[in-house]
């Protein structure tokens, strides 16, 4: 997994920084992995839409889901068994990949933009 650091400007003024930290892997009956996206500079973070993407080499990045103030919304309903997301505090969004297998390889990253 590649850790991404994204920084860009909204409306030419406010700087937003999204930082992804180490991946946490839990081994048990089924193995899962969680990764945090730490956001700085997003007002009303709990209501902001944070998007999670997966990129496989030679393919275009694919959005998995986005999460706003409530439950995650999935781009493909079959993803709801594989992926979940939640927000913690005022600036952390977590993506969890459940029941990891070899087909889950790729680069996962978070994104945000103002509508």
N, C-alpha and C. Protein backbone atom coordinates (compact mmCIF):
# COMPACT_ATOMS: atom_id res chain seq x y z
N UNK A 1 0.84 -1.19 0.00
CA UNK A 1 0.00 0.00 0.00
C UNK A 1 0.88 1.24 0.00
N UNK A 2 0.51 2.19 -0.79
CA UNK A 2 1.25 3.44 -0.88
C UNK A 2 0.58 4.49 -0.03
N UNK A 3 1.37 5.21 0.75
CA UNK A 3 0.83 6.29 1.56
C UNK A 3 0.88 7.57 0.76
N UNK A 4 -0.23 8.26 0.69
CA UNK A 4 -0.33 9.46 -0.15
C UNK A 4 -0.46 10.72 0.69
N UNK A 5 0.12 11.77 0.22
CA UNK A 5 -0.02 13.07 0.85
C UNK A 5 -0.56 14.02 -0.22
N UNK A 6 -1.74 14.55 0.02
CA UNK A 6 -2.39 15.39 -0.98
C UNK A 6 -2.61 16.78 -0.40
N UNK A 7 -2.28 17.77 -1.16
CA UNK A 7 -2.52 19.13 -0.73
C UNK A 7 -3.01 19.93 -1.92
N UNK A 8 -4.09 20.67 -1.74
CA UNK A 8 -4.59 21.51 -2.82
C UNK A 8 -5.37 22.66 -2.24
N UNK A 9 -5.77 23.58 -3.11
CA UNK A 9 -6.46 24.78 -2.66
C UNK A 9 -7.91 24.76 -3.09
N UNK A 10 -8.77 25.28 -2.26
CA UNK A 10 -10.18 25.43 -2.56
C UNK A 10 -10.48 26.91 -2.71
N UNK A 11 -11.13 27.26 -3.78
CA UNK A 11 -11.51 28.65 -4.03
C UNK A 11 -10.29 29.58 -4.00
N UNK A 12 -9.11 29.04 -4.22
CA UNK A 12 -7.90 29.85 -4.25
C UNK A 12 -7.47 30.38 -2.90
N UNK A 13 -8.08 29.93 -1.81
CA UNK A 13 -7.75 30.50 -0.51
C UNK A 13 -7.38 29.44 0.53
N UNK A 14 -8.34 28.62 0.89
CA UNK A 14 -8.13 27.72 2.02
C UNK A 14 -7.33 26.49 1.60
N UNK A 15 -6.27 26.21 2.32
CA UNK A 15 -5.47 25.03 2.03
C UNK A 15 -6.01 23.83 2.79
N UNK A 16 -6.13 22.71 2.09
CA UNK A 16 -6.57 21.46 2.69
C UNK A 16 -5.45 20.46 2.55
N UNK A 17 -5.15 19.76 3.63
CA UNK A 17 -4.12 18.73 3.60
C UNK A 17 -4.74 17.42 4.05
N UNK A 18 -4.58 16.38 3.24
CA UNK A 18 -5.01 15.04 3.61
C UNK A 18 -3.77 14.18 3.72
N UNK A 19 -3.59 13.55 4.85
CA UNK A 19 -2.40 12.74 5.09
C UNK A 19 -2.83 11.33 5.46
N UNK A 20 -2.25 10.35 4.79
CA UNK A 20 -2.55 8.96 5.12
C UNK A 20 -1.38 8.38 5.89
N UNK A 21 -1.71 7.69 6.96
CA UNK A 21 -0.67 7.12 7.81
C UNK A 21 -0.59 5.61 7.60
N UNK A 22 0.19 4.96 8.44
CA UNK A 22 0.42 3.52 8.31
C UNK A 22 -0.88 2.72 8.27
N UNK A 23 -0.80 1.60 7.58
CA UNK A 23 -1.94 0.69 7.51
C UNK A 23 -1.88 -0.24 8.72
N UNK A 24 -3.03 -0.44 9.36
CA UNK A 24 -3.12 -1.34 10.50
C UNK A 24 -3.78 -2.64 10.04
N UNK A 25 -3.09 -3.76 10.21
CA UNK A 25 -3.62 -5.06 9.78
C UNK A 25 -3.94 -5.90 11.00
N UNK A 26 -5.16 -6.42 11.06
CA UNK A 26 -5.61 -7.28 12.16
C UNK A 26 -5.75 -8.70 11.63
N UNK A 27 -5.00 -9.62 12.22
CA UNK A 27 -5.06 -11.02 11.80
C UNK A 27 -5.90 -11.79 12.81
N UNK A 28 -6.76 -12.61 12.30
CA UNK A 28 -7.61 -13.43 13.14
C UNK A 28 -8.25 -14.47 12.25
N UNK A 29 -9.50 -14.78 12.53
CA UNK A 29 -10.21 -15.73 11.67
C UNK A 29 -10.24 -15.20 10.25
N UNK A 30 -10.47 -13.91 10.11
CA UNK A 30 -10.40 -13.23 8.82
C UNK A 30 -9.53 -12.00 9.02
N UNK A 31 -8.70 -11.70 8.06
CA UNK A 31 -7.77 -10.58 8.17
C UNK A 31 -8.40 -9.32 7.60
N UNK A 32 -8.27 -8.23 8.34
CA UNK A 32 -8.75 -6.94 7.86
C UNK A 32 -7.62 -5.91 7.97
N UNK A 33 -7.76 -4.84 7.20
CA UNK A 33 -6.79 -3.75 7.24
C UNK A 33 -7.54 -2.44 7.34
N UNK A 34 -7.01 -1.52 8.12
CA UNK A 34 -7.60 -0.20 8.27
C UNK A 34 -6.55 0.85 7.99
N UNK A 35 -7.00 1.94 7.36
CA UNK A 35 -6.09 3.06 7.11
C UNK A 35 -6.82 4.36 7.42
N UNK A 36 -6.08 5.28 8.01
CA UNK A 36 -6.64 6.57 8.39
C UNK A 36 -6.28 7.64 7.37
N UNK A 37 -7.20 8.56 7.19
CA UNK A 37 -6.98 9.76 6.40
C UNK A 37 -7.14 10.92 7.39
N UNK A 38 -6.06 11.63 7.66
CA UNK A 38 -6.09 12.74 8.60
C UNK A 38 -6.23 14.03 7.80
N UNK A 39 -7.32 14.75 8.06
CA UNK A 39 -7.63 15.95 7.29
C UNK A 39 -7.35 17.20 8.11
N UNK A 40 -6.75 18.16 7.47
CA UNK A 40 -6.53 19.48 8.09
C UNK A 40 -7.12 20.53 7.16
N UNK A 41 -7.81 21.49 7.73
CA UNK A 41 -8.31 22.60 6.95
C UNK A 41 -9.67 22.39 6.32
N UNK A 42 -10.41 21.36 6.77
CA UNK A 42 -11.76 21.14 6.24
C UNK A 42 -12.77 21.59 7.30
N UNK A 43 -13.44 22.72 7.09
CA UNK A 43 -14.45 23.15 8.06
C UNK A 43 -15.65 22.21 8.02
N UNK A 44 -16.23 21.94 9.18
CA UNK A 44 -17.38 21.05 9.24
C UNK A 44 -17.05 19.65 8.78
N UNK A 45 -15.91 19.14 9.22
CA UNK A 45 -15.41 17.84 8.77
C UNK A 45 -16.45 16.73 8.86
N UNK A 46 -17.23 16.70 9.94
CA UNK A 46 -18.21 15.62 10.11
C UNK A 46 -19.24 15.61 8.99
N UNK A 47 -19.46 16.74 8.32
CA UNK A 47 -20.44 16.83 7.24
C UNK A 47 -19.79 16.75 5.85
N UNK A 48 -18.48 16.89 5.80
CA UNK A 48 -17.76 16.91 4.52
C UNK A 48 -17.72 15.52 3.91
N UNK A 49 -17.76 15.46 2.59
CA UNK A 49 -17.68 14.18 1.88
C UNK A 49 -16.21 13.81 1.66
N UNK A 50 -15.81 12.71 2.27
CA UNK A 50 -14.47 12.16 2.08
C UNK A 50 -14.63 10.95 1.17
N UNK A 51 -13.85 10.91 0.10
CA UNK A 51 -13.95 9.86 -0.91
C UNK A 51 -12.76 8.92 -0.78
N UNK A 52 -13.01 7.63 -0.96
CA UNK A 52 -11.94 6.63 -0.95
C UNK A 52 -11.85 5.98 -2.32
N UNK A 53 -10.63 5.91 -2.84
CA UNK A 53 -10.35 5.35 -4.16
C UNK A 53 -9.38 4.19 -4.05
N UNK A 54 -9.46 3.33 -5.06
CA UNK A 54 -8.48 2.26 -5.21
C UNK A 54 -7.90 2.38 -6.61
N UNK A 55 -6.57 2.29 -6.69
CA UNK A 55 -5.90 2.34 -7.99
C UNK A 55 -5.09 1.07 -8.19
N UNK A 56 -5.38 0.39 -9.28
CA UNK A 56 -4.63 -0.79 -9.69
C UNK A 56 -3.80 -0.37 -10.90
N UNK A 57 -2.49 -0.69 -10.90
CA UNK A 57 -1.65 -0.31 -12.04
C UNK A 57 -2.29 -0.77 -13.36
N UNK A 58 -2.16 0.05 -14.37
CA UNK A 58 -2.70 -0.14 -15.72
C UNK A 58 -4.21 0.10 -15.81
N UNK A 59 -4.86 0.46 -14.70
CA UNK A 59 -6.29 0.77 -14.72
C UNK A 59 -6.50 2.17 -14.17
N UNK A 60 -7.63 2.76 -14.52
CA UNK A 60 -7.98 4.07 -13.98
C UNK A 60 -8.35 3.93 -12.50
N UNK A 61 -8.08 4.95 -11.68
CA UNK A 61 -8.53 4.90 -10.29
C UNK A 61 -10.04 4.71 -10.23
N UNK A 62 -10.49 3.96 -9.24
CA UNK A 62 -11.91 3.68 -9.09
C UNK A 62 -12.36 4.12 -7.70
N UNK A 63 -13.43 4.91 -7.66
CA UNK A 63 -13.94 5.30 -6.35
C UNK A 63 -14.69 4.11 -5.75
N UNK A 64 -14.40 3.84 -4.49
CA UNK A 64 -15.06 2.76 -3.76
C UNK A 64 -16.31 3.29 -3.07
N UNK A 65 -16.12 4.41 -2.35
CA UNK A 65 -17.20 4.95 -1.55
C UNK A 65 -16.90 6.39 -1.19
N UNK A 66 -17.90 7.06 -0.63
CA UNK A 66 -17.67 8.33 0.04
C UNK A 66 -18.52 8.34 1.30
N UNK A 67 -18.06 9.11 2.27
CA UNK A 67 -18.78 9.20 3.53
C UNK A 67 -18.92 10.67 3.90
N UNK A 68 -20.15 11.06 4.23
CA UNK A 68 -20.43 12.42 4.67
C UNK A 68 -20.81 12.40 6.13
N UNK A 69 -21.99 12.92 6.44
CA UNK A 69 -22.43 13.01 7.83
C UNK A 69 -23.01 11.69 8.34
N UNK A 70 -23.42 10.82 7.43
CA UNK A 70 -24.06 9.58 7.86
C UNK A 70 -23.28 8.36 7.42
N UNK A 71 -24.00 7.36 6.96
CA UNK A 71 -23.38 6.11 6.52
C UNK A 71 -22.68 6.32 5.18
N UNK A 72 -21.76 5.44 4.89
CA UNK A 72 -21.03 5.50 3.62
C UNK A 72 -21.97 5.19 2.46
N UNK A 73 -21.69 5.81 1.32
CA UNK A 73 -22.39 5.54 0.07
C UNK A 73 -21.42 4.86 -0.87
N UNK A 74 -21.82 3.71 -1.39
CA UNK A 74 -20.95 2.88 -2.22
C UNK A 74 -21.24 3.08 -3.70
N UNK A 75 -20.18 3.09 -4.51
CA UNK A 75 -20.36 3.20 -5.95
C UNK A 75 -20.88 1.90 -6.55
N UNK A 76 -20.62 0.80 -5.90
CA UNK A 76 -21.13 -0.51 -6.30
C UNK A 76 -21.63 -1.18 -5.03
N UNK A 77 -22.88 -1.59 -5.01
CA UNK A 77 -23.47 -2.13 -3.77
C UNK A 77 -22.73 -3.35 -3.26
N UNK A 78 -22.04 -4.07 -4.14
CA UNK A 78 -21.30 -5.25 -3.69
C UNK A 78 -20.10 -4.88 -2.80
N UNK A 79 -19.67 -3.61 -2.87
CA UNK A 79 -18.55 -3.16 -2.05
C UNK A 79 -18.89 -3.09 -0.56
N UNK A 80 -20.15 -3.05 -0.23
CA UNK A 80 -20.53 -2.85 1.18
C UNK A 80 -20.11 -4.01 2.07
N UNK A 81 -19.89 -5.19 1.51
CA UNK A 81 -19.41 -6.32 2.30
C UNK A 81 -17.90 -6.30 2.47
N UNK A 82 -17.21 -5.67 1.54
CA UNK A 82 -15.75 -5.66 1.53
C UNK A 82 -15.16 -4.45 2.25
N UNK A 83 -15.80 -3.28 2.10
CA UNK A 83 -15.24 -2.03 2.62
C UNK A 83 -16.21 -1.36 3.58
N UNK A 84 -15.64 -0.67 4.56
CA UNK A 84 -16.45 0.18 5.43
C UNK A 84 -15.63 1.42 5.77
N UNK A 85 -16.34 2.46 6.17
CA UNK A 85 -15.66 3.71 6.50
C UNK A 85 -16.37 4.38 7.67
N UNK A 86 -15.59 5.12 8.44
CA UNK A 86 -16.15 5.87 9.56
C UNK A 86 -15.30 7.10 9.80
N UNK A 87 -15.86 8.05 10.54
CA UNK A 87 -15.15 9.26 10.93
C UNK A 87 -14.98 9.28 12.43
N UNK A 88 -13.82 9.79 12.87
CA UNK A 88 -13.54 9.93 14.29
C UNK A 88 -13.13 11.36 14.59
N UNK A 89 -13.68 11.90 15.63
CA UNK A 89 -13.29 13.24 16.05
C UNK A 89 -13.56 14.29 14.99
N UNK A 90 -12.65 15.25 14.90
CA UNK A 90 -12.86 16.39 14.00
C UNK A 90 -12.04 16.30 12.72
N UNK A 91 -11.25 15.21 12.55
CA UNK A 91 -10.43 15.21 11.34
C UNK A 91 -9.91 13.84 10.87
N UNK A 92 -10.44 12.73 11.37
CA UNK A 92 -9.93 11.42 10.96
C UNK A 92 -11.04 10.61 10.30
N UNK A 93 -10.73 10.11 9.11
CA UNK A 93 -11.65 9.22 8.38
C UNK A 93 -10.90 7.91 8.16
N UNK A 94 -11.56 6.80 8.46
CA UNK A 94 -10.93 5.49 8.37
C UNK A 94 -11.61 4.64 7.31
N UNK A 95 -10.80 3.96 6.51
CA UNK A 95 -11.29 2.95 5.58
C UNK A 95 -10.85 1.59 6.08
N UNK A 96 -11.76 0.63 6.14
CA UNK A 96 -11.44 -0.73 6.54
C UNK A 96 -11.75 -1.67 5.39
N UNK A 97 -10.80 -2.54 5.10
CA UNK A 97 -10.97 -3.56 4.07
C UNK A 97 -11.12 -4.89 4.82
N UNK A 98 -12.23 -5.56 4.60
CA UNK A 98 -12.54 -6.79 5.32
C UNK A 98 -12.14 -8.02 4.52
N UNK A 99 -11.81 -9.09 5.25
CA UNK A 99 -11.53 -10.39 4.64
C UNK A 99 -10.56 -10.25 3.46
N UNK A 100 -9.37 -9.73 3.75
CA UNK A 100 -8.37 -9.44 2.72
C UNK A 100 -7.94 -10.71 2.00
N UNK A 101 -7.79 -10.58 0.67
CA UNK A 101 -7.22 -11.66 -0.12
C UNK A 101 -6.35 -11.06 -1.20
N UNK A 102 -5.74 -11.89 -2.02
CA UNK A 102 -4.75 -11.41 -2.99
C UNK A 102 -5.35 -10.47 -4.04
N UNK A 103 -6.64 -10.53 -4.26
CA UNK A 103 -7.25 -9.65 -5.26
C UNK A 103 -7.47 -8.23 -4.75
N UNK A 104 -7.16 -7.96 -3.48
CA UNK A 104 -7.36 -6.63 -2.90
C UNK A 104 -6.16 -5.70 -3.05
N UNK A 105 -5.13 -6.15 -3.77
CA UNK A 105 -3.94 -5.33 -3.94
C UNK A 105 -4.24 -4.04 -4.69
N UNK A 106 -3.44 -3.04 -4.45
CA UNK A 106 -3.60 -1.76 -5.11
C UNK A 106 -3.21 -0.63 -4.19
N UNK A 107 -3.34 0.58 -4.68
CA UNK A 107 -3.09 1.77 -3.89
C UNK A 107 -4.43 2.36 -3.50
N UNK A 108 -4.63 2.56 -2.21
CA UNK A 108 -5.87 3.13 -1.68
C UNK A 108 -5.58 4.54 -1.21
N UNK A 109 -6.44 5.47 -1.58
CA UNK A 109 -6.21 6.84 -1.12
C UNK A 109 -7.53 7.58 -0.92
N UNK A 110 -7.44 8.60 -0.09
CA UNK A 110 -8.60 9.42 0.22
C UNK A 110 -8.53 10.73 -0.57
N UNK A 111 -9.67 11.35 -0.75
CA UNK A 111 -9.75 12.62 -1.46
C UNK A 111 -10.90 13.43 -0.91
N UNK A 112 -10.82 14.73 -1.12
CA UNK A 112 -11.88 15.63 -0.71
C UNK A 112 -11.94 16.77 -1.70
N UNK A 113 -13.13 17.19 -2.01
CA UNK A 113 -13.30 18.42 -2.78
C UNK A 113 -14.59 19.08 -2.36
N UNK A 114 -14.60 20.39 -2.53
CA UNK A 114 -15.74 21.20 -2.15
C UNK A 114 -16.72 21.27 -3.32
N UNK A 115 -18.01 20.97 -3.07
CA UNK A 115 -19.01 21.01 -4.14
C UNK A 115 -19.45 22.43 -4.39
